[in-house]
Amino acid sequence: MENQVENCSSVSPKALIVLVGVVFAALIAFVVTESFLGTLAGAVIGLIAAAVFNGVFYKQTPHDR
């Protein structure tokens, strides 16, 4: 019997980390500043923080399978 790998289109973990980081940072900024510009600034800061997390802490090493 052969091991078959199915083509599944799942969301990549890095994209999910970025999405969660942006949404939660925007929500926190809205609660703190109660303004639309504060929400945008929080989303940008969350995007930068998620990108740094993905680039520095969440490095995935290639595997042989």
PDB file of N, CA and C in Angstrom:
ATOM      1  N   MET A   1       0.827  -1.173   0.000  1.00  0.00           N
ATOM      2  CA  MET A   1       0.000   0.000   0.000  1.00  0.00           C
ATOM      3  C   MET A   1       0.880   1.247   0.000  1.00  0.00           C
ATOM      4  N   GLU A   2       0.539   2.183  -0.837  1.00  0.00           N
ATOM      5  CA  GLU A   2       1.317   3.406  -0.906  1.00  0.00           C
ATOM      6  C   GLU A   2       0.729   4.467   0.017  1.00  0.00           C
ATOM      7  N   ASN A   3       1.610   5.281   0.528  1.00  0.00           N
ATOM      8  CA  ASN A   3       1.141   6.427   1.312  1.00  0.00           C
ATOM      9  C   ASN A   3       0.813   7.565   0.356  1.00  0.00           C
ATOM     10  N   GLN A   4      -0.418   7.925   0.308  1.00  0.00           N
ATOM     11  CA  GLN A   4      -0.867   8.977  -0.586  1.00  0.00           C
ATOM     12  C   GLN A   4      -1.046  10.267   0.200  1.00  0.00           C
ATOM     13  N   VAL A   5      -0.533  11.328  -0.332  1.00  0.00           N
ATOM     14  CA  VAL A   5      -0.704  12.638   0.284  1.00  0.00           C
ATOM     15  C   VAL A   5      -1.809  13.351  -0.473  1.00  0.00           C
ATOM     16  N   GLU A   6      -2.831  13.724   0.262  1.00  0.00           N
ATOM     17  CA  GLU A   6      -3.946  14.411  -0.374  1.00  0.00           C
ATOM     18  C   GLU A   6      -3.636  15.893  -0.497  1.00  0.00           C
ATOM     19  N   ASN A   7      -4.133  16.486  -1.547  1.00  0.00           N
ATOM     20  CA  ASN A   7      -3.987  17.922  -1.722  1.00  0.00           C
ATOM     21  C   ASN A   7      -5.079  18.612  -0.926  1.00  0.00           C
ATOM     22  N   CYS A   8      -4.713  19.151   0.196  1.00  0.00           N
ATOM     23  CA  CYS A   8      -5.688  19.860   1.010  1.00  0.00           C
ATOM     24  C   CYS A   8      -5.290  21.331   1.049  1.00  0.00           C
ATOM     25  N   SER A   9      -6.255  22.167   0.866  1.00  0.00           N
ATOM     26  CA  SER A   9      -5.980  23.604   0.858  1.00  0.00           C
ATOM     27  C   SER A   9      -6.311  24.179   2.233  1.00  0.00           C
ATOM     28  N   SER A  10      -5.402  24.005   3.147  1.00  0.00           N
ATOM     29  CA  SER A  10      -5.610  24.528   4.491  1.00  0.00           C
ATOM     30  C   SER A  10      -4.901  25.874   4.614  1.00  0.00           C
ATOM     31  N   VAL A  11      -5.289  26.628   5.596  1.00  0.00           N
ATOM     32  CA  VAL A  11      -4.696  27.929   5.832  1.00  0.00           C
ATOM     33  C   VAL A  11      -3.323  27.724   6.459  1.00  0.00           C
ATOM     34  N   SER A  12      -2.347  28.459   5.963  1.00  0.00           N
ATOM     35  CA  SER A  12      -1.001  28.304   6.506  1.00  0.00           C
ATOM     36  C   SER A  12      -0.936  28.897   7.918  1.00  0.00           C
ATOM     37  N   PRO A  13      -0.135  28.314   8.777  1.00  0.00           N
ATOM     38  CA  PRO A  13      -0.040  28.815  10.154  1.00  0.00           C
ATOM     39  C   PRO A  13       0.486  30.249  10.228  1.00  0.00           C
ATOM     40  N   LYS A  14       1.381  30.614   9.314  1.00  0.00           N
ATOM     41  CA  LYS A  14       1.921  31.971   9.332  1.00  0.00           C
ATOM     42  C   LYS A  14       0.838  32.992   9.005  1.00  0.00           C
ATOM     43  N   ALA A  15      -0.022  32.685   8.052  1.00  0.00           N
ATOM     44  CA  ALA A  15      -1.115  33.602   7.705  1.00  0.00           C
ATOM     45  C   ALA A  15      -2.100  33.723   8.862  1.00  0.00           C
ATOM     46  N   LEU A  16      -2.337  32.629   9.557  1.00  0.00           N
ATOM     47  CA  LEU A  16      -3.249  32.655  10.695  1.00  0.00           C
ATOM     48  C   LEU A  16      -2.672  33.496  11.839  1.00  0.00           C
ATOM     49  N   ILE A  17      -1.364  33.404  12.070  1.00  0.00           N
ATOM     50  CA  ILE A  17      -0.719  34.207  13.107  1.00  0.00           C
ATOM     51  C   ILE A  17      -0.828  35.691  12.776  1.00  0.00           C
ATOM     52  N   VAL A  18      -0.623  36.040  11.518  1.00  0.00           N
ATOM     53  CA  VAL A  18      -0.729  37.439  11.109  1.00  0.00           C
ATOM     54  C   VAL A  18      -2.157  37.942  11.283  1.00  0.00           C
ATOM     55  N   LEU A  19      -3.121  37.142  10.882  1.00  0.00           N
ATOM     56  CA  LEU A  19      -4.521  37.546  11.001  1.00  0.00           C
ATOM     57  C   LEU A  19      -4.920  37.759  12.461  1.00  0.00           C
ATOM     58  N   VAL A  20      -4.568  36.821  13.316  1.00  0.00           N
ATOM     59  CA  VAL A  20      -4.908  36.937  14.737  1.00  0.00           C
ATOM     60  C   VAL A  20      -4.193  38.129  15.361  1.00  0.00           C
ATOM     61  N   GLY A  21      -2.936  38.347  15.002  1.00  0.00           N
ATOM     62  CA  GLY A  21      -2.191  39.479  15.546  1.00  0.00           C
ATOM     63  C   GLY A  21      -2.796  40.815  15.167  1.00  0.00           C
ATOM     64  N   VAL A  22      -3.191  40.948  13.916  1.00  0.00           N
ATOM     65  CA  VAL A  22      -3.775  42.211  13.459  1.00  0.00           C
ATOM     66  C   VAL A  22      -5.134  42.456  14.114  1.00  0.00           C
ATOM     67  N   VAL A  23      -5.970  41.432  14.174  1.00  0.00           N
ATOM     68  CA  VAL A  23      -7.313  41.604  14.735  1.00  0.00           C
ATOM     69  C   VAL A  23      -7.256  41.947  16.216  1.00  0.00           C
ATOM     70  N   PHE A  24      -6.468  41.205  16.981  1.00  0.00           N
ATOM     71  CA  PHE A  24      -6.415  41.471  18.420  1.00  0.00           C
ATOM     72  C   PHE A  24      -5.731  42.798  18.737  1.00  0.00           C
ATOM     73  N   ALA A  25      -4.712  43.158  17.980  1.00  0.00           N
ATOM     74  CA  ALA A  25      -4.061  44.446  18.216  1.00  0.00           C
ATOM     75  C   ALA A  25      -5.011  45.594  17.890  1.00  0.00           C
ATOM     76  N   ALA A  26      -5.805  45.446  16.835  1.00  0.00           N
ATOM     77  CA  ALA A  26      -6.783  46.485  16.496  1.00  0.00           C
ATOM     78  C   ALA A  26      -7.865  46.585  17.567  1.00  0.00           C
ATOM     79  N   LEU A  27      -8.324  45.459  18.080  1.00  0.00           N
ATOM     80  CA  LEU A  27      -9.334  45.483  19.139  1.00  0.00           C
ATOM     81  C   LEU A  27      -8.803  46.132  20.422  1.00  0.00           C
ATOM     82  N   ILE A  28      -7.588  45.789  20.795  1.00  0.00           N
ATOM     83  CA  ILE A  28      -6.995  46.376  21.994  1.00  0.00           C
ATOM     84  C   ILE A  28      -6.801  47.873  21.808  1.00  0.00           C
ATOM     85  N   ALA A  29      -6.338  48.282  20.634  1.00  0.00           N
ATOM     86  CA  ALA A  29      -6.138  49.710  20.382  1.00  0.00           C
ATOM     87  C   ALA A  29      -7.464  50.461  20.390  1.00  0.00           C
ATOM     88  N   PHE A  30      -8.520  49.842  19.891  1.00  0.00           N
ATOM     89  CA  PHE A  30      -9.828  50.498  19.919  1.00  0.00           C
ATOM     90  C   PHE A  30     -10.318  50.680  21.348  1.00  0.00           C
ATOM     91  N   VAL A  31     -10.114  49.675  22.174  1.00  0.00           N
ATOM     92  CA  VAL A  31     -10.555  49.779  23.570  1.00  0.00           C
ATOM     93  C   VAL A  31      -9.760  50.868  24.299  1.00  0.00           C
ATOM     94  N   VAL A  32      -8.483  50.966  24.011  1.00  0.00           N
ATOM     95  CA  VAL A  32      -7.644  51.936  24.703  1.00  0.00           C
ATOM     96  C   VAL A  32      -7.907  53.360  24.214  1.00  0.00           C
ATOM     97  N   THR A  33      -7.935  53.559  22.884  1.00  0.00           N
ATOM     98  CA  THR A  33      -8.031  54.919  22.359  1.00  0.00           C
ATOM     99  C   THR A  33      -9.450  55.354  22.032  1.00  0.00           C
ATOM    100  N   GLU A  34     -10.331  54.431  21.752  1.00  0.00           N
ATOM    101  CA  GLU A  34     -11.712  54.691  21.357  1.00  0.00           C
ATOM    102  C   GLU A  34     -11.797  55.598  20.134  1.00  0.00           C
ATOM    103  N   SER A  35     -10.873  55.420  19.193  1.00  0.00           N
ATOM    104  CA  SER A  35     -10.918  56.197  17.956  1.00  0.00           C
ATOM    105  C   SER A  35     -10.555  55.300  16.783  1.00  0.00           C
ATOM    106  N   PHE A  36     -10.957  55.754  15.602  1.00  0.00           N
ATOM    107  CA  PHE A  36     -10.701  54.978  14.398  1.00  0.00           C
ATOM    108  C   PHE A  36      -9.216  54.988  14.046  1.00  0.00           C
ATOM    109  N   LEU A  37      -8.562  56.134  14.194  1.00  0.00           N
ATOM    110  CA  LEU A  37      -7.136  56.212  13.886  1.00  0.00           C
ATOM    111  C   LEU A  37      -6.311  55.360  14.848  1.00  0.00           C
ATOM    112  N   GLY A  38      -6.727  55.296  16.089  1.00  0.00           N
ATOM    113  CA  GLY A  38      -6.044  54.427  17.038  1.00  0.00           C
ATOM    114  C   GLY A  38      -6.186  52.961  16.659  1.00  0.00           C
ATOM    115  N   THR A  39      -7.364  52.620  16.124  1.00  0.00           N
ATOM    116  CA  THR A  39      -7.587  51.246  15.667  1.00  0.00           C
ATOM    117  C   THR A  39      -6.684  50.915  14.491  1.00  0.00           C
ATOM    118  N   LEU A  40      -6.560  51.849  13.543  1.00  0.00           N
ATOM    119  CA  LEU A  40      -5.664  51.626  12.402  1.00  0.00           C
ATOM    120  C   LEU A  40      -4.213  51.507  12.848  1.00  0.00           C
ATOM    121  N   ALA A  41      -3.805  52.365  13.770  1.00  0.00           N
ATOM    122  CA  ALA A  41      -2.436  52.296  14.277  1.00  0.00           C
ATOM    123  C   ALA A  41      -2.187  50.971  14.996  1.00  0.00           C
ATOM    124  N   GLY A  42      -3.164  50.505  15.763  1.00  0.00           N
ATOM    125  CA  GLY A  42      -3.030  49.213  16.437  1.00  0.00           C
ATOM    126  C   GLY A  42      -2.932  48.065  15.451  1.00  0.00           C
ATOM    127  N   ALA A  43      -3.696  48.152  14.360  1.00  0.00           N
ATOM    128  CA  ALA A  43      -3.629  47.095  13.340  1.00  0.00           C
ATOM    129  C   ALA A  43      -2.260  47.072  12.674  1.00  0.00           C
ATOM    130  N   VAL A  44      -1.702  48.245  12.403  1.00  0.00           N
ATOM    131  CA  VAL A  44      -0.374  48.306  11.787  1.00  0.00           C
ATOM    132  C   VAL A  44       0.682  47.770  12.750  1.00  0.00           C
ATOM    133  N   ILE A  45       0.588  48.142  14.009  1.00  0.00           N
ATOM    134  CA  ILE A  45       1.541  47.640  14.999  1.00  0.00           C
ATOM    135  C   ILE A  45       1.390  46.125  15.165  1.00  0.00           C
ATOM    136  N   GLY A  46       0.159  45.626  15.143  1.00  0.00           N
ATOM    137  CA  GLY A  46      -0.063  44.180  15.218  1.00  0.00           C
ATOM    138  C   GLY A  46       0.498  43.454  14.011  1.00  0.00           C
ATOM    139  N   LEU A  47       0.385  44.068  12.834  1.00  0.00           N
ATOM    140  CA  LEU A  47       0.949  43.471  11.620  1.00  0.00           C
ATOM    141  C   LEU A  47       2.469  43.385  11.715  1.00  0.00           C
ATOM    142  N   ILE A  48       3.084  44.441  12.203  1.00  0.00           N
ATOM    143  CA  ILE A  48       4.543  44.438  12.356  1.00  0.00           C
ATOM    144  C   ILE A  48       4.975  43.411  13.395  1.00  0.00           C
ATOM    145  N   ALA A  49       4.261  43.347  14.510  1.00  0.00           N
ATOM    146  CA  ALA A  49       4.620  42.381  15.559  1.00  0.00           C
ATOM    147  C   ALA A  49       4.452  40.945  15.068  1.00  0.00           C
ATOM    148  N   ALA A  50       3.380  40.682  14.305  1.00  0.00           N
ATOM    149  CA  ALA A  50       3.178  39.328  13.782  1.00  0.00           C
ATOM    150  C   ALA A  50       4.237  38.969  12.749  1.00  0.00           C
ATOM    151  N   ALA A  51       4.642  39.934  11.940  1.00  0.00           N
ATOM    152  CA  ALA A  51       5.696  39.672  10.955  1.00  0.00           C
ATOM    153  C   ALA A  51       7.023  39.376  11.640  1.00  0.00           C
ATOM    154  N   VAL A  52       7.322  40.114  12.699  1.00  0.00           N
ATOM    155  CA  VAL A  52       8.552  39.847  13.451  1.00  0.00           C
ATOM    156  C   VAL A  52       8.478  38.470  14.099  1.00  0.00           C
ATOM    157  N   PHE A  53       7.323  38.132  14.666  1.00  0.00           N
ATOM    158  CA  PHE A  53       7.165  36.812  15.284  1.00  0.00           C
ATOM    159  C   PHE A  53       7.369  35.706  14.249  1.00  0.00           C
ATOM    160  N   ASN A  54       6.760  35.867  13.068  1.00  0.00           N
ATOM    161  CA  ASN A  54       6.905  34.843  12.028  1.00  0.00           C
ATOM    162  C   ASN A  54       8.334  34.745  11.525  1.00  0.00           C
ATOM    163  N   GLY A  55       9.016  35.860  11.426  1.00  0.00           N
ATOM    164  CA  GLY A  55      10.366  35.845  10.884  1.00  0.00           C
ATOM    165  C   GLY A  55      11.422  35.385  11.864  1.00  0.00           C
ATOM    166  N   VAL A  56      11.238  35.693  13.143  1.00  0.00           N
ATOM    167  CA  VAL A  56      12.289  35.414  14.120  1.00  0.00           C
ATOM    168  C   VAL A  56      11.991  34.162  14.941  1.00  0.00           C
ATOM    169  N   PHE A  57      10.812  34.088  15.504  1.00  0.00           N
ATOM    170  CA  PHE A  57      10.513  33.028  16.457  1.00  0.00           C
ATOM    171  C   PHE A  57       9.879  31.788  15.836  1.00  0.00           C
ATOM    172  N   TYR A  58       9.190  31.936  14.730  1.00  0.00           N
ATOM    173  CA  TYR A  58       8.421  30.820  14.164  1.00  0.00           C
ATOM    174  C   TYR A  58       9.040  30.356  12.851  1.00  0.00           C
ATOM    175  N   LYS A  59      10.295  30.080  12.870  1.00  0.00           N
ATOM    176  CA  LYS A  59      10.950  29.563  11.668  1.00  0.00           C
ATOM    177  C   LYS A  59      10.669  28.082  11.534  1.00  0.00           C
ATOM    178  N   GLN A  60      10.211  27.683  10.372  1.00  0.00           N
ATOM    179  CA  GLN A  60       9.952  26.279  10.121  1.00  0.00           C
ATOM    180  C   GLN A  60      11.086  25.702   9.315  1.00  0.00           C
ATOM    181  N   THR A  61      11.648  24.634   9.826  1.00  0.00           N
ATOM    182  CA  THR A  61      12.734  23.988   9.100  1.00  0.00           C
ATOM    183  C   THR A  61      12.131  23.039   8.079  1.00  0.00           C
ATOM    184  N   PRO A  62      12.735  22.946   6.911  1.00  0.00           N
ATOM    185  CA  PRO A  62      12.214  21.999   5.915  1.00  0.00           C
ATOM    186  C   PRO A  62      12.416  20.566   6.382  1.00  0.00           C
ATOM    187  N   HIS A  63      11.473  19.733   6.061  1.00  0.00           N
ATOM    188  CA  HIS A  63      11.568  18.335   6.462  1.00  0.00           C
ATOM    189  C   HIS A  63      11.718  17.470   5.223  1.00  0.00           C
ATOM    190  N   ASP A  64      12.074  16.236   5.426  1.00  0.00           N
ATOM    191  CA  ASP A  64      12.373  15.351   4.307  1.00  0.00           C
ATOM    192  C   ASP A  64      11.173  14.573   3.809  1.00  0.00           C
ATOM    193  N   ARG A  65      10.010  14.796   4.394  1.00  0.00           N
ATOM    194  CA  ARG A  65       8.833  14.043   3.956  1.00  0.00           C
ATOM    195  C   ARG A  65       7.763  14.934   3.476  1.00  0.00           C
TER     196      ARG A  65
END
